C-alpha cells in the first residue's frame, strides 16, 4: 500500500518549488511526461506491494 504524495511546502520556505522554477524551464514538460508514465504504471506498482503490514514508500518516489 502506498501513501499519498503529501507536500510540506511551508516547512523551510515561504515559496513553493513550483514558484522557483520558471514556466519555460525544460524540466516542466519532462515532469508532466514522467508523471503521466508513472500514473500509467500505477497498476503494475500496486502488484508489487503486500496487502498487509506497514505502508511503504513507493519506489517511484
PDB file of N, CA and C in Angstrom:
ATOM      1  N   UNK A   1       0.847  -1.175   0.000  1.00  0.00           N
ATOM      2  CA  UNK A   1       0.000   0.000   0.000  1.00  0.00           C
ATOM      3  C   UNK A   1       0.891   1.236   0.000  1.00  0.00           C
ATOM      4  N   UNK A   2       0.597   2.137  -0.851  1.00  0.00           N
ATOM      5  CA  UNK A   2       1.385   3.358  -0.935  1.00  0.00           C
ATOM      6  C   UNK A   2       0.582   4.514  -0.380  1.00  0.00           C
ATOM      7  N   UNK A   3       1.271   5.455   0.213  1.00  0.00           N
ATOM      8  CA  UNK A   3       0.604   6.611   0.782  1.00  0.00           C
ATOM      9  C   UNK A   3       0.438   7.726  -0.226  1.00  0.00           C
ATOM     10  N   UNK A   4      -0.217   8.766   0.211  1.00  0.00           N
ATOM     11  CA  UNK A   4      -0.418   9.939  -0.627  1.00  0.00           C
ATOM     12  C   UNK A   4       0.875  10.736  -0.733  1.00  0.00           C
ATOM     13  N   UNK A   5       1.000  11.492  -1.795  1.00  0.00           N
ATOM     14  CA  UNK A   5       2.162  12.339  -2.000  1.00  0.00           C
ATOM     15  C   UNK A   5       1.878  13.700  -1.366  1.00  0.00           C
ATOM     16  N   UNK A   6       2.057  13.763  -0.060  1.00  0.00           N
ATOM     17  CA  UNK A   6       1.787  14.996   0.663  1.00  0.00           C
ATOM     18  C   UNK A   6       3.026  15.870   0.643  1.00  0.00           C
ATOM     19  N   UNK A   7       2.840  17.140   0.376  1.00  0.00           N
ATOM     20  CA  UNK A   7       3.957  18.074   0.320  1.00  0.00           C
ATOM     21  C   UNK A   7       3.864  19.051   1.485  1.00  0.00           C
ATOM     22  N   UNK A   8       4.994  19.361   2.058  1.00  0.00           N
ATOM     23  CA  UNK A   8       5.062  20.337   3.134  1.00  0.00           C
ATOM     24  C   UNK A   8       5.776  21.571   2.596  1.00  0.00           C
ATOM     25  N   UNK A   9       5.080  22.342   1.799  1.00  0.00           N
ATOM     26  CA  UNK A   9       5.687  23.495   1.155  1.00  0.00           C
ATOM     27  C   UNK A   9       6.214  24.521   2.147  1.00  0.00           C
ATOM     28  N   UNK A  10       5.553  24.686   3.257  1.00  0.00           N
ATOM     29  CA  UNK A  10       5.929  25.740   4.183  1.00  0.00           C
ATOM     30  C   UNK A  10       6.949  25.310   5.232  1.00  0.00           C
ATOM     31  N   UNK A  11       7.554  24.153   5.091  1.00  0.00           N
ATOM     32  CA  UNK A  11       8.465  23.654   6.109  1.00  0.00           C
ATOM     33  C   UNK A  11       9.660  24.590   6.330  1.00  0.00           C
ATOM     34  N   UNK A  12      10.366  24.979   5.269  1.00  0.00           N
ATOM     35  CA  UNK A  12      11.539  25.829   5.420  1.00  0.00           C
ATOM     36  C   UNK A  12      11.501  27.078   4.555  1.00  0.00           C
ATOM     37  N   UNK A  13      10.505  27.216   3.740  1.00  0.00           N
ATOM     38  CA  UNK A  13      10.482  28.323   2.801  1.00  0.00           C
ATOM     39  C   UNK A  13       9.057  28.832   2.633  1.00  0.00           C
ATOM     40  N   UNK A  14       8.962  30.092   2.272  1.00  0.00           N
ATOM     41  CA  UNK A  14       7.644  30.670   2.046  1.00  0.00           C
ATOM     42  C   UNK A  14       7.235  30.616   0.580  1.00  0.00           C
ATOM     43  N   UNK A  15       8.113  30.133  -0.265  1.00  0.00           N
ATOM     44  CA  UNK A  15       7.775  29.950  -1.674  1.00  0.00           C
ATOM     45  C   UNK A  15       7.831  28.465  -1.987  1.00  0.00           C
ATOM     46  N   UNK A  16       6.980  28.055  -2.893  1.00  0.00           N
ATOM     47  CA  UNK A  16       6.960  26.640  -3.277  1.00  0.00           C
ATOM     48  C   UNK A  16       8.012  26.379  -4.347  1.00  0.00           C
ATOM     49  N   UNK A  17       8.328  25.140  -4.533  1.00  0.00           N
ATOM     50  CA  UNK A  17       9.264  24.751  -5.575  1.00  0.00           C
ATOM     51  C   UNK A  17       8.727  25.148  -6.946  1.00  0.00           C
ATOM     52  N   UNK A  18       7.419  25.038  -7.125  1.00  0.00           N
ATOM     53  CA  UNK A  18       6.802  25.431  -8.393  1.00  0.00           C
ATOM     54  C   UNK A  18       7.028  26.910  -8.694  1.00  0.00           C
ATOM     55  N   UNK A  19       7.056  27.732  -7.682  1.00  0.00           N
ATOM     56  CA  UNK A  19       7.279  29.170  -7.875  1.00  0.00           C
ATOM     57  C   UNK A  19       8.728  29.480  -8.228  1.00  0.00           C
ATOM     58  N   UNK A  20       9.633  28.602  -7.863  1.00  0.00           N
ATOM     59  CA  UNK A  20      11.059  28.842  -8.112  1.00  0.00           C
ATOM     60  C   UNK A  20      11.488  28.431  -9.513  1.00  0.00           C
ATOM     61  N   UNK A  21      10.765  27.523 -10.128  1.00  0.00           N
ATOM     62  CA  UNK A  21      11.136  27.046 -11.453  1.00  0.00           C
ATOM     63  C   UNK A  21      10.395  27.869 -12.501  1.00  0.00           C
ATOM     64  N   UNK A  22      11.125  28.497 -13.414  1.00  0.00           N
ATOM     65  CA  UNK A  22      10.470  29.317 -14.443  1.00  0.00           C
ATOM     66  C   UNK A  22       9.513  28.482 -15.300  1.00  0.00           C
ATOM     67  N   UNK A  23       8.460  29.125 -15.787  1.00  0.00           N
ATOM     68  CA  UNK A  23       7.463  28.423 -16.604  1.00  0.00           C
ATOM     69  C   UNK A  23       8.039  27.826 -17.872  1.00  0.00           C
ATOM     70  N   UNK A  24       9.097  28.420 -18.406  1.00  0.00           N
ATOM     71  CA  UNK A  24       9.683  27.919 -19.646  1.00  0.00           C
ATOM     72  C   UNK A  24      10.880  26.990 -19.419  1.00  0.00           C
ATOM     73  N   UNK A  25      11.083  26.561 -18.184  1.00  0.00           N
ATOM     74  CA  UNK A  25      12.202  25.672 -17.871  1.00  0.00           C
ATOM     75  C   UNK A  25      11.971  24.293 -18.495  1.00  0.00           C
ATOM     76  N   UNK A  26      13.025  23.654 -19.045  1.00  0.00           N
ATOM     77  CA  UNK A  26      12.860  22.349 -19.703  1.00  0.00           C
ATOM     78  C   UNK A  26      12.397  21.220 -18.778  1.00  0.00           C
ATOM     79  N   UNK A  27      12.543  21.394 -17.475  1.00  0.00           N
ATOM     80  CA  UNK A  27      12.089  20.349 -16.558  1.00  0.00           C
ATOM     81  C   UNK A  27      10.565  20.266 -16.464  1.00  0.00           C
ATOM     82  N   UNK A  28       9.873  21.335 -16.760  1.00  0.00           N
ATOM     83  CA  UNK A  28       8.405  21.331 -16.640  1.00  0.00           C
ATOM     84  C   UNK A  28       7.743  20.304 -17.565  1.00  0.00           C
ATOM     85  N   UNK A  29       8.022  20.311 -18.877  1.00  0.00           N
ATOM     86  CA  UNK A  29       7.403  19.279 -19.717  1.00  0.00           C
ATOM     87  C   UNK A  29       7.896  17.872 -19.380  1.00  0.00           C
ATOM     88  N   UNK A  30       9.152  17.775 -18.946  1.00  0.00           N
ATOM     89  CA  UNK A  30       9.680  16.471 -18.561  1.00  0.00           C
ATOM     90  C   UNK A  30       8.927  15.940 -17.346  1.00  0.00           C
ATOM     91  N   UNK A  31       8.651  16.801 -16.395  1.00  0.00           N
ATOM     92  CA  UNK A  31       7.910  16.396 -15.199  1.00  0.00           C
ATOM     93  C   UNK A  31       6.508  15.889 -15.570  1.00  0.00           C
ATOM     94  N   UNK A  32       5.832  16.605 -16.473  1.00  0.00           N
ATOM     95  CA  UNK A  32       4.499  16.161 -16.904  1.00  0.00           C
ATOM     96  C   UNK A  32       4.567  14.794 -17.579  1.00  0.00           C
ATOM     97  N   UNK A  33       5.592  14.592 -18.403  1.00  0.00           N
ATOM     98  CA  UNK A  33       5.761  13.310 -19.087  1.00  0.00           C
ATOM     99  C   UNK A  33       5.997  12.179 -18.090  1.00  0.00           C
ATOM    100  N   UNK A  34       6.908  12.405 -17.156  1.00  0.00           N
ATOM    101  CA  UNK A  34       7.220  11.374 -16.157  1.00  0.00           C
ATOM    102  C   UNK A  34       6.003  11.074 -15.285  1.00  0.00           C
ATOM    103  N   UNK A  35       5.275  12.100 -14.867  1.00  0.00           N
ATOM    104  CA  UNK A  35       4.066  11.881 -14.063  1.00  0.00           C
ATOM    105  C   UNK A  35       3.035  11.055 -14.822  1.00  0.00           C
ATOM    106  N   UNK A  36       2.890  11.308 -16.119  1.00  0.00           N
ATOM    107  CA  UNK A  36       1.944  10.545 -16.944  1.00  0.00           C
ATOM    108  C   UNK A  36       2.369   9.084 -17.048  1.00  0.00           C
ATOM    109  N   UNK A  37       3.652   8.863 -17.298  1.00  0.00           N
ATOM    110  CA  UNK A  37       4.163   7.488 -17.418  1.00  0.00           C
ATOM    111  C   UNK A  37       3.991   6.735 -16.105  1.00  0.00           C
ATOM    112  N   UNK A  38       4.356   7.373 -14.994  1.00  0.00           N
ATOM    113  CA  UNK A  38       4.221   6.700 -13.692  1.00  0.00           C
ATOM    114  C   UNK A  38       2.762   6.427 -13.351  1.00  0.00           C
ATOM    115  N   UNK A  39       1.873   7.342 -13.712  1.00  0.00           N
ATOM    116  CA  UNK A  39       0.446   7.117 -13.459  1.00  0.00           C
ATOM    117  C   UNK A  39      -0.056   5.924 -14.263  1.00  0.00           C
ATOM    118  N   UNK A  40       0.445   5.757 -15.481  1.00  0.00           N
ATOM    119  CA  UNK A  40       0.021   4.610 -16.298  1.00  0.00           C
ATOM    120  C   UNK A  40       0.569   3.296 -15.750  1.00  0.00           C
ATOM    121  N   UNK A  41       1.625   3.367 -14.949  1.00  0.00           N
ATOM    122  CA  UNK A  41       2.224   2.165 -14.360  1.00  0.00           C
ATOM    123  C   UNK A  41       1.698   1.886 -12.956  1.00  0.00           C
ATOM    124  N   UNK A  42       0.747   2.666 -12.496  1.00  0.00           N
ATOM    125  CA  UNK A  42       0.250   2.549 -11.131  1.00  0.00           C
ATOM    126  C   UNK A  42      -0.261   1.142 -10.816  1.00  0.00           C
ATOM    127  N   UNK A  43      -0.979   0.540 -11.735  1.00  0.00           N
ATOM    128  CA  UNK A  43      -1.494  -0.820 -11.515  1.00  0.00           C
ATOM    129  C   UNK A  43      -0.345  -1.815 -11.365  1.00  0.00           C
ATOM    130  N   UNK A  44       0.722  -1.630 -12.150  1.00  0.00           N
ATOM    131  CA  UNK A  44       1.895  -2.506 -12.028  1.00  0.00           C
ATOM    132  C   UNK A  44       2.548  -2.344 -10.655  1.00  0.00           C
ATOM    133  N   UNK A  45       2.666  -1.104 -10.202  1.00  0.00           N
ATOM    134  CA  UNK A  45       3.255  -0.869  -8.887  1.00  0.00           C
ATOM    135  C   UNK A  45       2.383  -1.466  -7.777  1.00  0.00           C
ATOM    136  N   UNK A  46       1.076  -1.382  -7.928  1.00  0.00           N
ATOM    137  CA  UNK A  46       0.170  -1.956  -6.922  1.00  0.00           C
ATOM    138  C   UNK A  46       0.439  -3.443  -6.722  1.00  0.00           C
ATOM    139  N   UNK A  47       0.772  -4.146  -7.785  1.00  0.00           N
ATOM    140  CA  UNK A  47       1.042  -5.575  -7.693  1.00  0.00           C
ATOM    141  C   UNK A  47       2.320  -5.903  -6.943  1.00  0.00           C
ATOM    142  N   UNK A  48       3.187  -4.941  -6.760  1.00  0.00           N
ATOM    143  CA  UNK A  48       4.459  -5.171  -6.075  1.00  0.00           C
ATOM    144  C   UNK A  48       4.368  -5.016  -4.568  1.00  0.00           C
ATOM    145  N   UNK A  49       3.230  -4.568  -4.085  1.00  0.00           N
ATOM    146  CA  UNK A  49       3.073  -4.282  -2.663  1.00  0.00           C
ATOM    147  C   UNK A  49       2.214  -5.329  -1.969  1.00  0.00           C
ATOM    148  N   UNK A  50       2.609  -5.635  -0.756  1.00  0.00           N
ATOM    149  CA  UNK A  50       1.833  -6.554   0.062  1.00  0.00           C
ATOM    150  C   UNK A  50       0.549  -5.860   0.515  1.00  0.00           C
ATOM    151  N   UNK A  51      -0.489  -6.629   0.703  1.00  0.00           N
ATOM    152  CA  UNK A  51      -1.767  -6.085   1.163  1.00  0.00           C
ATOM    153  C   UNK A  51      -1.808  -5.958   2.687  1.00  0.00           C
ATOM    154  N   UNK A  52      -0.768  -6.400   3.356  1.00  0.00           N
ATOM    155  CA  UNK A  52      -0.740  -6.331   4.809  1.00  0.00           C
ATOM    156  C   UNK A  52       0.574  -5.710   5.268  1.00  0.00           C
ATOM    157  N   UNK A  53       0.649  -5.363   6.507  1.00  0.00           N
ATOM    158  CA  UNK A  53       1.863  -4.771   7.055  1.00  0.00           C
ATOM    159  C   UNK A  53       1.872  -3.261   6.931  1.00  0.00           C
ATOM    160  N   UNK A  54       2.982  -2.683   7.283  1.00  0.00           N
ATOM    161  CA  UNK A  54       3.142  -1.235   7.267  1.00  0.00           C
ATOM    162  C   UNK A  54       3.245  -0.724   5.831  1.00  0.00           C
ATOM    163  N   UNK A  55       2.657   0.424   5.604  1.00  0.00           N
ATOM    164  CA  UNK A  55       2.745   1.031   4.262  1.00  0.00           C
ATOM    165  C   UNK A  55       4.188   1.407   3.977  1.00  0.00           C
ATOM    166  N   UNK A  56       4.601   1.215   2.734  1.00  0.00           N
ATOM    167  CA  UNK A  56       5.978   1.533   2.364  1.00  0.00           C
ATOM    168  C   UNK A  56       6.013   2.734   1.429  1.00  0.00           C
ATOM    169  N   UNK A  57       7.205   3.195   1.158  1.00  0.00           N
ATOM    170  CA  UNK A  57       7.399   4.330   0.261  1.00  0.00           C
ATOM    171  C   UNK A  57       7.458   3.814  -1.160  1.00  0.00           C
ATOM    172  N   UNK A  58       6.705   4.442  -2.027  1.00  0.00           N
ATOM    173  CA  UNK A  58       6.662   3.996  -3.424  1.00  0.00           C
ATOM    174  C   UNK A  58       8.049   4.122  -4.070  1.00  0.00           C
ATOM    175  N   UNK A  59       8.482   3.114  -4.866  1.00  0.00           N
ATOM    176  CA  UNK A  59       9.812   3.170  -5.484  1.00  0.00           C
ATOM    177  C   UNK A  59       9.963   4.336  -6.439  1.00  0.00           C
ATOM    178  N   UNK A  60       8.884   4.801  -7.045  1.00  0.00           N
ATOM    179  CA  UNK A  60       8.989   5.920  -7.963  1.00  0.00           C
ATOM    180  C   UNK A  60       9.182   7.242  -7.251  1.00  0.00           C
ATOM    181  N   UNK A  61       9.088   7.266  -5.942  1.00  0.00           N
ATOM    182  CA  UNK A  61       9.317   8.485  -5.157  1.00  0.00           C
ATOM    183  C   UNK A  61      10.749   8.495  -4.696  1.00  0.00           C
TER     184      UNK A  61
END
